[in-house]
């Protein structure tokens, strides 16, 4: 399943991209931090705007280094029981 992003027509979103939006949003919610706190904890590596775009499924899909950094600063341990 592919679909054009409503915001950025150059980006073709796959089903896994939509799933990653839901997963990353759930992980951030579980951490208890908001977008600004994640930005601050990442020392600006991932900006507030980029975090907002990732959580809303806008612009480019989340990249693996971004995903791992968000997990690291949110003290989120990935394991097989999470289905991630």
N, C-alpha and C. Protein backbone atom coordinates (compact mmCIF):
# COMPACT_ATOMS: atom_id res chain seq x y z
N UNK A 1 0.83 -1.17 0.00
CA UNK A 1 0.00 0.00 0.00
C UNK A 1 0.88 1.24 0.00
N UNK A 2 0.77 2.06 -1.01
CA UNK A 2 1.51 3.31 -1.05
C UNK A 2 0.52 4.45 -1.22
N UNK A 3 0.91 5.59 -0.74
CA UNK A 3 0.03 6.74 -0.79
C UNK A 3 0.90 7.99 -0.78
N UNK A 4 0.49 9.00 -1.50
CA UNK A 4 1.24 10.24 -1.50
C UNK A 4 1.00 11.00 -0.20
N UNK A 5 2.06 11.55 0.34
CA UNK A 5 1.92 12.39 1.52
C UNK A 5 1.15 13.65 1.14
N UNK A 6 0.18 14.05 1.95
CA UNK A 6 -0.59 15.25 1.61
C UNK A 6 0.24 16.52 1.67
N UNK A 7 1.33 16.51 2.41
CA UNK A 7 2.14 17.71 2.58
C UNK A 7 3.28 17.77 1.58
N UNK A 8 3.96 16.69 1.39
CA UNK A 8 5.14 16.67 0.54
C UNK A 8 4.93 15.64 -0.55
N UNK A 9 4.58 16.08 -1.73
CA UNK A 9 4.20 15.16 -2.79
C UNK A 9 5.36 14.32 -3.30
N UNK A 10 6.60 14.72 -2.99
CA UNK A 10 7.76 13.94 -3.44
C UNK A 10 7.95 12.68 -2.60
N UNK A 11 7.35 12.64 -1.43
CA UNK A 11 7.53 11.52 -0.51
C UNK A 11 6.39 10.54 -0.68
N UNK A 12 6.73 9.30 -1.01
CA UNK A 12 5.72 8.25 -1.10
C UNK A 12 5.76 7.47 0.21
N UNK A 13 4.65 7.44 0.89
CA UNK A 13 4.59 6.77 2.18
C UNK A 13 4.12 5.33 2.00
N UNK A 14 4.79 4.43 2.69
CA UNK A 14 4.45 3.02 2.69
C UNK A 14 3.64 2.70 3.95
N UNK A 15 3.05 1.53 3.97
CA UNK A 15 2.28 1.10 5.15
C UNK A 15 3.15 1.11 6.41
N UNK A 16 4.41 0.72 6.27
CA UNK A 16 5.30 0.70 7.44
C UNK A 16 5.57 2.11 7.95
N UNK A 17 5.51 3.12 7.07
CA UNK A 17 5.69 4.50 7.51
C UNK A 17 4.53 4.94 8.39
N UNK A 18 3.33 4.55 8.01
CA UNK A 18 2.16 4.88 8.83
C UNK A 18 2.23 4.15 10.17
N UNK A 19 2.70 2.92 10.15
CA UNK A 19 2.83 2.16 11.39
C UNK A 19 3.88 2.81 12.30
N UNK A 20 4.98 3.29 11.70
CA UNK A 20 6.04 3.90 12.50
C UNK A 20 5.54 5.18 13.19
N UNK A 21 4.63 5.91 12.53
CA UNK A 21 4.05 7.11 13.15
C UNK A 21 3.31 6.72 14.43
N UNK A 22 2.52 5.67 14.36
CA UNK A 22 1.76 5.23 15.53
C UNK A 22 2.69 4.72 16.63
N UNK A 23 3.72 3.96 16.24
CA UNK A 23 4.64 3.40 17.23
C UNK A 23 5.43 4.51 17.91
N UNK A 24 6.00 5.43 17.13
CA UNK A 24 6.83 6.48 17.73
C UNK A 24 5.98 7.39 18.62
N UNK A 25 4.75 7.67 18.20
CA UNK A 25 3.86 8.49 19.03
C UNK A 25 3.56 7.78 20.34
N UNK A 26 3.28 6.49 20.28
CA UNK A 26 3.01 5.72 21.50
C UNK A 26 4.23 5.68 22.42
N UNK A 27 5.42 5.52 21.84
CA UNK A 27 6.64 5.49 22.64
C UNK A 27 6.88 6.82 23.33
N UNK A 28 6.65 7.92 22.61
CA UNK A 28 6.85 9.24 23.21
C UNK A 28 5.83 9.47 24.32
N UNK A 29 4.59 9.08 24.08
CA UNK A 29 3.56 9.22 25.12
C UNK A 29 3.93 8.41 26.36
N UNK A 30 4.43 7.20 26.13
CA UNK A 30 4.82 6.32 27.24
C UNK A 30 5.96 6.93 28.05
N UNK A 31 6.86 7.66 27.38
CA UNK A 31 7.99 8.27 28.07
C UNK A 31 7.55 9.40 29.00
N UNK A 32 6.38 9.99 28.72
CA UNK A 32 5.89 11.09 29.54
C UNK A 32 6.42 12.45 29.11
N UNK A 33 7.25 12.48 28.08
CA UNK A 33 7.81 13.73 27.59
C UNK A 33 6.99 14.27 26.43
N UNK A 34 7.03 15.58 26.26
CA UNK A 34 6.42 16.22 25.11
C UNK A 34 7.47 16.46 24.04
N UNK A 35 7.06 17.04 22.94
CA UNK A 35 7.97 17.30 21.83
C UNK A 35 9.13 18.21 22.24
N UNK A 36 8.84 19.25 23.00
CA UNK A 36 9.90 20.18 23.43
C UNK A 36 10.91 19.50 24.35
N UNK A 37 10.42 18.65 25.25
CA UNK A 37 11.35 17.94 26.14
C UNK A 37 12.24 16.98 25.36
N UNK A 38 11.66 16.29 24.38
CA UNK A 38 12.47 15.38 23.55
C UNK A 38 13.52 16.18 22.79
N UNK A 39 13.14 17.33 22.22
CA UNK A 39 14.08 18.21 21.52
C UNK A 39 15.23 18.59 22.45
N UNK A 40 14.90 19.02 23.66
CA UNK A 40 15.91 19.45 24.62
C UNK A 40 16.82 18.28 25.01
N UNK A 41 16.24 17.11 25.24
CA UNK A 41 17.03 15.94 25.62
C UNK A 41 17.93 15.46 24.49
N UNK A 42 17.53 15.72 23.25
CA UNK A 42 18.33 15.34 22.08
C UNK A 42 19.40 16.39 21.77
N UNK A 43 19.48 17.44 22.57
CA UNK A 43 20.42 18.54 22.34
C UNK A 43 20.28 19.13 20.94
N UNK A 44 19.05 19.18 20.44
CA UNK A 44 18.80 19.77 19.13
C UNK A 44 19.11 18.88 17.95
N UNK A 45 19.56 17.65 18.19
CA UNK A 45 19.82 16.72 17.09
C UNK A 45 18.55 16.46 16.31
N UNK A 46 17.46 16.31 17.03
CA UNK A 46 16.13 16.22 16.41
C UNK A 46 15.36 17.42 16.94
N UNK A 47 14.98 18.31 16.06
CA UNK A 47 14.32 19.55 16.48
C UNK A 47 12.86 19.31 16.85
N UNK A 48 12.31 20.29 17.54
CA UNK A 48 10.89 20.25 17.91
C UNK A 48 10.03 20.05 16.66
N UNK A 49 10.32 20.81 15.62
CA UNK A 49 9.54 20.72 14.38
C UNK A 49 9.62 19.35 13.75
N UNK A 50 10.80 18.76 13.76
CA UNK A 50 10.97 17.42 13.18
C UNK A 50 10.21 16.39 14.02
N UNK A 51 10.27 16.50 15.33
CA UNK A 51 9.53 15.57 16.19
C UNK A 51 8.04 15.69 15.93
N UNK A 52 7.56 16.92 15.83
CA UNK A 52 6.14 17.15 15.52
C UNK A 52 5.77 16.52 14.18
N UNK A 53 6.63 16.71 13.16
CA UNK A 53 6.36 16.14 11.84
C UNK A 53 6.34 14.62 11.89
N UNK A 54 7.26 14.02 12.62
CA UNK A 54 7.30 12.56 12.75
C UNK A 54 6.01 12.06 13.39
N UNK A 55 5.59 12.71 14.47
CA UNK A 55 4.39 12.27 15.19
C UNK A 55 3.11 12.47 14.40
N UNK A 56 3.12 13.44 13.49
CA UNK A 56 1.93 13.72 12.67
C UNK A 56 1.99 13.08 11.29
N UNK A 57 3.08 12.36 10.99
CA UNK A 57 3.20 11.70 9.69
C UNK A 57 3.43 12.66 8.55
N UNK A 58 4.04 13.79 8.83
CA UNK A 58 4.32 14.80 7.81
C UNK A 58 5.78 14.70 7.37
N UNK A 59 6.06 15.27 6.20
CA UNK A 59 7.40 15.29 5.64
C UNK A 59 7.92 13.86 5.48
N UNK A 60 9.21 13.65 5.68
CA UNK A 60 9.81 12.32 5.49
C UNK A 60 9.53 11.42 6.68
N UNK A 61 9.44 10.12 6.45
CA UNK A 61 9.23 9.17 7.56
C UNK A 61 10.41 9.21 8.55
N UNK A 62 10.16 8.72 9.74
CA UNK A 62 11.21 8.69 10.76
C UNK A 62 12.37 7.84 10.26
N UNK A 63 13.58 8.31 10.52
CA UNK A 63 14.79 7.57 10.15
C UNK A 63 15.23 6.73 11.35
N UNK A 64 15.93 5.66 11.08
CA UNK A 64 16.35 4.77 12.17
C UNK A 64 17.15 5.50 13.25
N UNK A 65 18.14 6.35 12.89
CA UNK A 65 18.87 7.06 13.96
C UNK A 65 17.96 7.95 14.81
N UNK A 66 16.95 8.57 14.19
CA UNK A 66 16.00 9.39 14.94
C UNK A 66 15.18 8.52 15.89
N UNK A 67 14.71 7.41 15.39
CA UNK A 67 13.92 6.48 16.19
C UNK A 67 14.72 6.02 17.41
N UNK A 68 15.96 5.61 17.18
CA UNK A 68 16.79 5.10 18.28
C UNK A 68 17.12 6.19 19.28
N UNK A 69 17.37 7.42 18.80
CA UNK A 69 17.67 8.52 19.72
C UNK A 69 16.46 8.87 20.57
N UNK A 70 15.29 8.88 19.98
CA UNK A 70 14.07 9.15 20.75
C UNK A 70 13.88 8.08 21.82
N UNK A 71 14.14 6.83 21.47
CA UNK A 71 14.04 5.75 22.45
C UNK A 71 15.07 5.94 23.57
N UNK A 72 16.28 6.33 23.19
CA UNK A 72 17.35 6.52 24.18
C UNK A 72 17.02 7.64 25.16
N UNK A 73 16.60 8.79 24.66
CA UNK A 73 16.34 9.91 25.57
C UNK A 73 15.05 9.72 26.36
N UNK A 74 14.15 8.89 25.87
CA UNK A 74 12.91 8.61 26.59
C UNK A 74 13.04 7.42 27.52
N UNK A 75 14.26 6.88 27.67
CA UNK A 75 14.50 5.72 28.52
C UNK A 75 13.61 4.55 28.14
N UNK A 76 13.46 4.35 26.84
CA UNK A 76 12.60 3.29 26.33
C UNK A 76 13.48 2.13 25.90
N UNK A 77 13.25 0.96 26.47
CA UNK A 77 14.01 -0.23 26.12
C UNK A 77 13.18 -1.02 25.13
N UNK A 78 13.75 -1.25 23.95
CA UNK A 78 13.04 -2.02 22.94
C UNK A 78 13.31 -3.50 23.16
N UNK A 79 12.26 -4.27 23.20
CA UNK A 79 12.41 -5.72 23.26
C UNK A 79 11.28 -6.37 22.47
N UNK A 80 11.38 -7.66 22.29
CA UNK A 80 10.42 -8.36 21.45
C UNK A 80 9.01 -8.37 22.04
N UNK A 81 8.87 -8.19 23.34
CA UNK A 81 7.54 -8.20 23.94
C UNK A 81 6.72 -6.96 23.57
N UNK A 82 7.41 -5.91 23.10
CA UNK A 82 6.71 -4.69 22.69
C UNK A 82 6.15 -4.80 21.28
N UNK A 83 6.59 -5.80 20.55
CA UNK A 83 6.15 -5.93 19.17
C UNK A 83 6.85 -4.94 18.26
N UNK A 84 7.99 -4.43 18.71
CA UNK A 84 8.75 -3.45 17.91
C UNK A 84 9.97 -4.11 17.35
